C-alpha atoms as a PDB file:
ATOM      1  CA  MET A   1      97.588-120.908 -91.803  1.00  0.00           C
ATOM      2  CA  GLN A   2     100.476-119.667 -93.892  1.00  0.00           C
ATOM      3  CA  ASN A   3     101.720-121.269 -97.089  1.00  0.00           C
ATOM      4  CA  VAL A   4     105.487-120.963 -97.466  1.00  0.00           C
ATOM      5  CA  LYS A   5     107.811-121.978-100.286  1.00  0.00           C
ATOM      6  CA  THR A   6     111.221-122.386 -98.632  1.00  0.00           C
ATOM      7  CA  PRO A   7     112.579-124.233 -95.595  1.00  0.00           C
ATOM      8  CA  ALA A   8     113.881-120.902 -94.239  1.00  0.00           C
ATOM      9  CA  GLU A   9     110.370-119.399 -94.336  1.00  0.00           C
ATOM     10  CA  ARG A  10     108.971-122.527 -92.689  1.00  0.00           C
ATOM     11  CA  ASP A  11     111.630-122.547 -89.969  1.00  0.00           C
ATOM     12  CA  ALA A  12     111.069-118.841 -89.220  1.00  0.00           C
ATOM     13  CA  LEU A  13     107.489-119.547 -88.128  1.00  0.00           C
ATOM     14  CA  LYS A  14     107.414-120.322 -84.417  1.00  0.00           C
ATOM     15  CA  PRO A  15     105.636-122.171 -82.969  1.00  0.00           C
ATOM     16  CA  VAL A  16     104.199-124.288 -85.764  1.00  0.00           C
ATOM     17  CA  LEU A  17     101.516-126.739 -84.660  1.00  0.00           C
ATOM     18  CA  ALA A  18     101.307-128.726 -87.869  1.00  0.00           C
ATOM     19  CA  VAL A  19     102.838-128.740 -91.327  1.00  0.00           C
ATOM     20  CA  HIS A  20     101.246-130.250 -94.416  1.00  0.00           C
ATOM     21  CA  VAL A  21     103.397-130.717 -97.522  1.00  0.00           C
ATOM     22  CA  GLU A  22     101.602-129.655-100.685  1.00  0.00           C
ATOM     23  CA  ALA A  23     101.984-131.168-104.160  1.00  0.00           C
ATOM     24  CA  ASP A  24     103.952-128.077-105.263  1.00  0.00           C
ATOM     25  CA  ASP A  25     106.511-128.740-102.458  1.00  0.00           C
ATOM     26  CA  SER A  26     105.303-125.753-100.451  1.00  0.00           C
ATOM     27  CA  TRP A  27     104.242-126.095 -96.816  1.00  0.00           C
ATOM     28  CA  ASP A  28     100.952-125.186 -95.186  1.00  0.00           C
ATOM     29  CA  CYS A  29     102.039-124.134 -91.683  1.00  0.00           C
ATOM     30  CA  TYR A  30      99.381-124.020 -88.972  1.00  0.00           C
ATOM     31  CA  LEU A  31     100.029-121.566 -86.156  1.00  0.00           C
ATOM     32  CA  PRO A  32      98.408-121.149 -82.725  1.00  0.00           C
ATOM     33  CA  GLY A  33      94.804-120.057 -83.210  1.00  0.00           C
ATOM     34  CA  ASP A  34      94.493-121.616 -86.675  1.00  0.00           C
ATOM     35  CA  GLU A  35      91.837-124.251 -87.217  1.00  0.00           C
ATOM     36  CA  LEU A  36      93.615-127.495 -88.042  1.00  0.00           C
ATOM     37  CA  PRO A  37      92.350-129.545 -90.999  1.00  0.00           C
ATOM     38  CA  ALA A  38      90.511-132.751 -90.234  1.00  0.00           C
ATOM     39  CA  MET A  39      92.796-135.747 -90.018  1.00  0.00           C
ATOM     40  CA  PRO A  40      91.776-138.848 -91.946  1.00  0.00           C
ATOM     41  CA  SER A  41      90.410-141.631 -89.825  1.00  0.00           C
ATOM     42  CA  PRO A  42      92.956-144.384 -89.208  1.00  0.00           C
ATOM     43  CA  LEU A  43      90.332-146.742 -90.613  1.00  0.00           C
ATOM     44  CA  ASP A  44      90.648-144.944 -93.952  1.00  0.00           C
ATOM     45  CA  SER A  45      94.372-145.650 -94.167  1.00  0.00           C
ATOM     46  CA  ILE A  46      95.717-148.829 -95.729  1.00  0.00           C
ATOM     47  CA  VAL A  47      99.099-149.868 -94.352  1.00  0.00           C
ATOM     48  CA  ALA A  48     101.654-151.787 -96.417  1.00  0.00           C
ATOM     49  CA  THR A  49     105.219-152.825 -95.803  1.00  0.00           C
ATOM     50  CA  PRO A  50     107.847-151.122 -97.966  1.00  0.00           C
ATOM     51  CA  SER A  51     108.377-154.330 -99.942  1.00  0.00           C
ATOM     52  CA  GLN A  52     104.626-154.759-100.547  1.00  0.00           C
ATOM     53  CA  PHE A  53     104.361-151.140-101.659  1.00  0.00           C
ATOM     54  CA  ARG A  54     107.324-151.366-104.043  1.00  0.00           C
ATOM     55  CA  LEU A  55     106.089-154.676-105.507  1.00  0.00           C
ATOM     56  CA  ALA A  56     102.692-153.071-106.158  1.00  0.00           C
ATOM     57  CA  LEU A  57     104.436-150.121-107.820  1.00  0.00           C
ATOM     58  CA  LEU A  58     106.458-152.545-109.950  1.00  0.00           C
ATOM     59  CA  GLN A  59     103.366-154.523-110.991  1.00  0.00           C
ATOM     60  CA  SER A  60     101.574-151.281-111.824  1.00  0.00           C
ATOM     61  CA  GLY A  61     104.462-149.939-113.901  1.00  0.00           C
ATOM     62  CA  LEU A  62     104.963-147.022-111.503  1.00  0.00           C
ATOM     63  CA  LEU A  63     108.136-147.966-109.631  1.00  0.00           C
ATOM     64  CA  ASP A  64     110.554-146.027-111.849  1.00  0.00           C
ATOM     65  CA  ALA A  65     108.327-142.927-111.905  1.00  0.00           C
ATOM     66  CA  VAL A  66     107.900-142.949-108.122  1.00  0.00           C
ATOM     67  CA  GLU A  67     111.617-143.414-107.504  1.00  0.00           C
ATOM     68  CA  ALA A  68     112.408-140.590-109.938  1.00  0.00           C
ATOM     69  CA  TYR A  69     109.899-138.362-108.118  1.00  0.00           C
ATOM     70  CA  VAL A  70     111.343-139.230-104.701  1.00  0.00           C
ATOM     71  CA  ALA A  71     114.857-138.445-105.968  1.00  0.00           C
ATOM     72  CA  THR A  72     113.737-134.850-106.654  1.00  0.00           C
ATOM     73  CA  GLN A  73     112.345-134.356-103.144  1.00  0.00           C
ATOM     74  CA  PRO A  74     114.061-132.916-100.055  1.00  0.00           C
ATOM     75  CA  ARG A  75     116.318-135.293 -98.114  1.00  0.00           C
ATOM     76  CA  PRO A  76     113.814-135.842 -95.258  1.00  0.00           C
ATOM     77  CA  THR A  77     111.274-137.107 -97.793  1.00  0.00           C
ATOM     78  CA  GLN A  78     113.859-139.383 -99.397  1.00  0.00           C
ATOM     79  CA  ILE A  79     114.822-140.778 -95.996  1.00  0.00           C
ATOM     80  CA  GLU A  80     111.201-141.392 -95.049  1.00  0.00           C
ATOM     81  CA  TYR A  81     110.560-143.216 -98.346  1.00  0.00           C
ATOM     82  CA  GLU A  82     113.713-145.303 -97.950  1.00  0.00           C
ATOM     83  CA  TYR A  83     113.462-146.250 -94.281  1.00  0.00           C
ATOM     84  CA  ALA A  84     109.825-146.062 -93.147  1.00  0.00           C
ATOM     85  CA  PRO A  85     108.854-149.394 -91.539  1.00  0.00           C
ATOM     86  CA  GLN A  86     105.296-148.991 -92.847  1.00  0.00           C
ATOM     87  CA  ILE A  87     103.754-146.982 -95.653  1.00  0.00           C
ATOM     88  CA  HIS A  88     100.294-145.510 -95.054  1.00  0.00           C
ATOM     89  CA  SER A  89      97.983-144.696 -97.949  1.00  0.00           C
ATOM     90  CA  GLN A  90      96.934-141.412 -96.294  1.00  0.00           C
ATOM     91  CA  ASN A  91     100.471-140.192 -95.527  1.00  0.00           C
ATOM     92  CA  PRO A  92     100.667-136.613 -96.877  1.00  0.00           C
ATOM     93  CA  LEU A  93     103.911-137.463 -98.689  1.00  0.00           C
ATOM     94  CA  ILE A  94     102.228-140.415-100.437  1.00  0.00           C
ATOM     95  CA  VAL A  95      99.190-138.298-101.313  1.00  0.00           C
ATOM     96  CA  ALA A  96     101.428-135.535-102.732  1.00  0.00           C
ATOM     97  CA  ALA A  97     103.487-138.030-104.746  1.00  0.00           C
ATOM     98  CA  ALA A  98     100.358-139.641-106.176  1.00  0.00           C
ATOM     99  CA  GLN A  99      98.974-136.240-107.162  1.00  0.00           C
ATOM    100  CA  ALA A 100     102.288-135.241-108.741  1.00  0.00           C
ATOM    101  CA  LEU A 101     102.203-138.439-110.807  1.00  0.00           C
ATOM    102  CA  GLY A 102      98.618-137.786-111.904  1.00  0.00           C
ATOM    103  CA  LEU A 103      97.009-140.575-109.875  1.00  0.00           C
ATOM    104  CA  THR A 104      93.490-140.163-108.548  1.00  0.00           C
ATOM    105  CA  ASP A 105      92.634-140.957-104.932  1.00  0.00           C
ATOM    106  CA  GLY A 106      90.946-144.122-106.178  1.00  0.00           C
ATOM    107  CA  GLN A 107      94.057-145.214-108.067  1.00  0.00           C
ATOM    108  CA  ARG A 108      96.225-144.533-105.007  1.00  0.00           C
ATOM    109  CA  LEU A 109      93.945-146.607-102.796  1.00  0.00           C
ATOM    110  CA  ALA A 110      93.765-149.392-105.395  1.00  0.00           C
ATOM    111  CA  LEU A 111      97.562-149.487-105.398  1.00  0.00           C
ATOM    112  CA  PHE A 112      97.550-150.020-101.627  1.00  0.00           C
ATOM    113  CA  GLN A 113      94.783-152.621-101.882  1.00  0.00           C
ATOM    114  CA  LEU A 114      97.020-154.506-104.305  1.00  0.00           C
ATOM    115  CA  ALA A 115     100.065-154.007-102.080  1.00  0.00           C
ATOM    116  CA  VAL A 116      98.542-155.684 -99.031  1.00  0.00           C
ATOM    117  CA  THR A 117      97.889-158.824-101.087  1.00  0.00           C
ATOM    118  CA  LEU A 118     101.547-159.212-102.062  1.00  0.00           C
END
């Protein structure tokens, strides 16, 4: 596994089997022969619609902070946030955003538990 800081460094690695975005906006790039990290069980992921997620953020007073964070991210992240048909609690982008905003895993999951009720 190699941690890289720029898109050019990431794109120079071929072939890359998996990429995990870190909270510091670097990438962990897994190459052939690397042991891949365990993926969370789908049962551990809570799925909300974009409107449910944004309403939960609004109720929690986090909507403006999340949107400001997303605005500082690379365009692919912004597009995923804007147009994803579903938002998964275990999505690496969601996990990184929550960490960047100082949320614990429990707070992130509680936000999704709220979201699915809206």
